[in-house]
Amino acid sequence: MSATTFSPRGAYSAISLNQLVMNIVEDTFPVAVLHHTRVVNEVSKHLLLGDGADQLTDVLEELLLAVIQQSREGDIHVSAERFKDTVQLVIEERNNYNGYALSFSVGSVSQEAARLGGHISIEGATRKQATISFSFPVQFAA
């Protein structure tokens, strides 16, 4: 069960990162099916997001959609860890199909992430397992 509260303005004041990822996975499900790709949400339900989660949502949606769109028979796992002043969301594509297209697609989201004070990096783009990391300030976490 996620910890979500609704404010009078119509915005969420706190939502678990797990629930946010789950919502994005559900929204991108048709694309995942089209690409025969499985997405596994391994994010802890205890990692909460606070104010500004809507800005973060846009970046996460674009990032996850970019990974799914570049997959074929994909096996994508999403996890996250909170450090002292950052949260690091990790997307592993364990059956990387086209690393060059994946790098380009992920790179196109980097500017939006930077506007939030975040950073996106990719390792192993040309190997079978690629790891995309999105680090963002803990100010978005509750």
Protein backbone atom coordinates (compact mmCIF):
# COMPACT_ATOMS: atom_id res chain seq x y z
CA MET A 1 0.00 0.00 0.00
CA SER A 2 1.49 3.32 -1.03
CA ALA A 3 1.48 6.40 1.12
CA THR A 4 -0.34 8.97 -0.96
CA THR A 5 -2.13 12.09 0.18
CA PHE A 6 -4.28 14.38 -1.89
CA SER A 7 -4.04 18.12 -1.42
CA PRO A 8 -6.83 20.63 -2.11
CA ARG A 9 -4.94 21.97 -5.13
CA GLY A 10 -5.36 18.59 -6.82
CA ALA A 11 -1.69 17.67 -6.58
CA TYR A 12 -0.19 14.83 -4.65
CA SER A 13 1.79 15.95 -1.63
CA ALA A 14 3.45 12.55 -1.16
CA ILE A 15 3.56 9.41 -3.27
CA SER A 16 5.85 6.43 -3.08
CA LEU A 17 8.42 6.20 -5.86
CA ASN A 18 7.28 2.58 -6.26
CA GLN A 19 3.72 3.74 -7.02
CA LEU A 20 4.96 6.41 -9.41
CA VAL A 21 7.02 3.82 -11.32
CA MET A 22 4.02 1.44 -11.28
CA ASN A 23 1.81 4.17 -12.78
CA ILE A 24 4.36 4.83 -15.52
CA VAL A 25 4.73 1.10 -16.24
CA GLU A 26 0.94 0.82 -16.58
CA ASP A 27 0.84 3.85 -18.90
CA THR A 28 3.60 2.42 -21.12
CA PHE A 29 2.27 -1.15 -21.07
CA PRO A 30 0.96 -1.06 -24.68
CA VAL A 31 4.43 -0.06 -25.94
CA ALA A 32 6.07 -2.77 -23.82
CA VAL A 33 3.69 -5.39 -25.24
CA LEU A 34 4.41 -4.18 -28.77
CA HIS A 35 8.15 -4.64 -28.14
CA HIS A 36 7.69 -7.94 -26.26
CA THR A 37 9.31 -6.34 -23.25
CA ARG A 38 8.85 -7.09 -19.56
CA VAL A 39 9.26 -4.30 -16.98
CA VAL A 40 9.87 -5.25 -13.35
CA ASN A 41 9.38 -2.64 -10.61
CA GLU A 42 11.83 -3.36 -7.76
CA VAL A 43 11.58 0.09 -6.13
CA SER A 44 10.96 0.07 -2.38
CA LYS A 45 7.48 1.12 -1.33
CA HIS A 46 9.03 3.08 1.55
CA LEU A 47 10.79 5.67 -0.62
CA LEU A 48 8.40 8.62 -0.69
CA LEU A 49 8.39 11.62 -2.99
CA GLY A 50 7.17 15.02 -1.86
CA ASP A 51 6.67 18.40 -3.49
CA GLY A 52 7.83 18.56 -7.08
CA ALA A 53 7.01 14.92 -7.78
CA ASP A 54 5.01 16.04 -10.81
CA GLN A 55 8.16 17.55 -12.36
CA LEU A 56 10.01 14.34 -11.61
CA THR A 57 7.20 12.30 -13.15
CA ASP A 58 7.73 13.93 -16.54
CA VAL A 59 11.41 12.97 -16.59
CA LEU A 60 10.76 9.43 -15.34
CA GLU A 61 8.03 8.90 -17.95
CA GLU A 62 10.26 10.08 -20.78
CA LEU A 63 13.20 8.04 -19.53
CA LEU A 64 11.35 4.77 -19.05
CA LEU A 65 9.47 5.19 -22.32
CA ALA A 66 12.77 5.80 -24.15
CA VAL A 67 14.19 2.54 -22.75
CA ILE A 68 11.05 0.56 -23.61
CA GLN A 69 10.83 2.01 -27.13
CA GLN A 70 14.40 0.91 -27.88
CA SER A 71 13.88 -2.61 -26.53
CA ARG A 72 13.12 -5.85 -28.35
CA GLU A 73 12.36 -8.89 -26.20
CA GLY A 74 13.51 -6.64 -23.35
CA ASP A 75 13.95 -7.47 -19.70
CA ILE A 76 13.88 -4.13 -17.86
CA HIS A 77 14.30 -3.86 -14.07
CA VAL A 78 13.76 -0.60 -12.17
CA SER A 79 15.19 -0.05 -8.69
CA ALA A 80 16.10 2.93 -6.50
CA GLU A 81 18.20 3.81 -3.52
CA ARG A 82 18.30 6.91 -1.35
CA PHE A 83 21.64 8.35 -0.34
CA LYS A 84 22.36 11.30 1.94
CA ASP A 85 21.39 14.06 -0.51
CA THR A 86 20.33 12.18 -3.65
CA VAL A 87 18.05 9.44 -4.86
CA GLN A 88 19.38 7.16 -7.56
CA LEU A 89 16.88 5.41 -9.81
CA VAL A 90 18.45 2.60 -11.82
CA ILE A 91 16.95 1.09 -14.97
CA GLU A 92 18.65 -2.10 -16.14
CA GLU A 93 17.93 -3.38 -19.61
CA ARG A 94 19.14 -6.97 -19.31
CA ASN A 95 18.59 -7.81 -22.96
CA ASN A 96 19.86 -4.67 -24.69
CA TYR A 97 18.91 -4.66 -28.35
CA ASN A 98 20.34 -1.47 -29.85
CA GLY A 99 22.71 0.39 -27.55
CA TYR A 100 23.35 3.31 -29.89
CA ALA A 101 19.64 4.11 -30.22
CA LEU A 102 19.23 3.60 -26.47
CA SER A 103 22.07 6.05 -25.74
CA PHE A 104 20.59 8.66 -28.06
CA SER A 105 17.08 8.30 -26.59
CA VAL A 106 18.32 8.46 -23.00
CA GLY A 107 20.55 11.42 -23.85
CA SER A 108 17.57 13.37 -25.14
CA VAL A 109 16.04 13.27 -21.62
CA SER A 110 19.24 14.50 -19.93
CA GLN A 111 18.54 18.21 -20.39
CA GLU A 112 15.16 17.94 -18.69
CA ALA A 113 16.76 16.02 -15.81
CA ALA A 114 19.48 18.67 -15.48
CA ARG A 115 16.83 21.40 -15.09
CA LEU A 116 15.68 19.59 -11.94
CA GLY A 117 19.25 19.32 -10.66
CA GLY A 118 19.39 15.68 -11.73
CA HIS A 119 21.83 13.67 -13.81
CA ILE A 120 21.34 10.75 -16.19
CA SER A 121 24.13 8.38 -17.14
CA ILE A 122 24.30 5.15 -19.10
CA GLU A 123 26.80 2.31 -18.75
CA GLY A 124 27.19 -0.66 -21.06
CA ALA A 125 25.17 0.85 -23.89
CA THR A 126 26.84 -1.44 -26.40
CA ARG A 127 26.71 -4.55 -24.21
CA LYS A 128 23.85 -6.95 -23.61
CA GLN A 129 23.13 -5.40 -20.19
CA ALA A 130 22.83 -1.63 -20.14
CA THR A 131 22.37 0.37 -16.93
CA ILE A 132 20.76 3.78 -16.93
CA SER A 133 21.06 5.82 -13.73
CA PHE A 134 18.97 8.86 -12.91
CA SER A 135 20.19 10.70 -9.82
CA PHE A 136 18.07 13.54 -8.49
CA PRO A 137 18.18 15.78 -5.41
CA VAL A 138 16.67 14.44 -2.23
CA GLN A 139 14.53 17.61 -2.10
CA PHE A 140 12.00 15.65 -4.19
CA ALA A 141 11.89 12.92 -1.55
CA ALA A 142 9.67 13.25 1.49
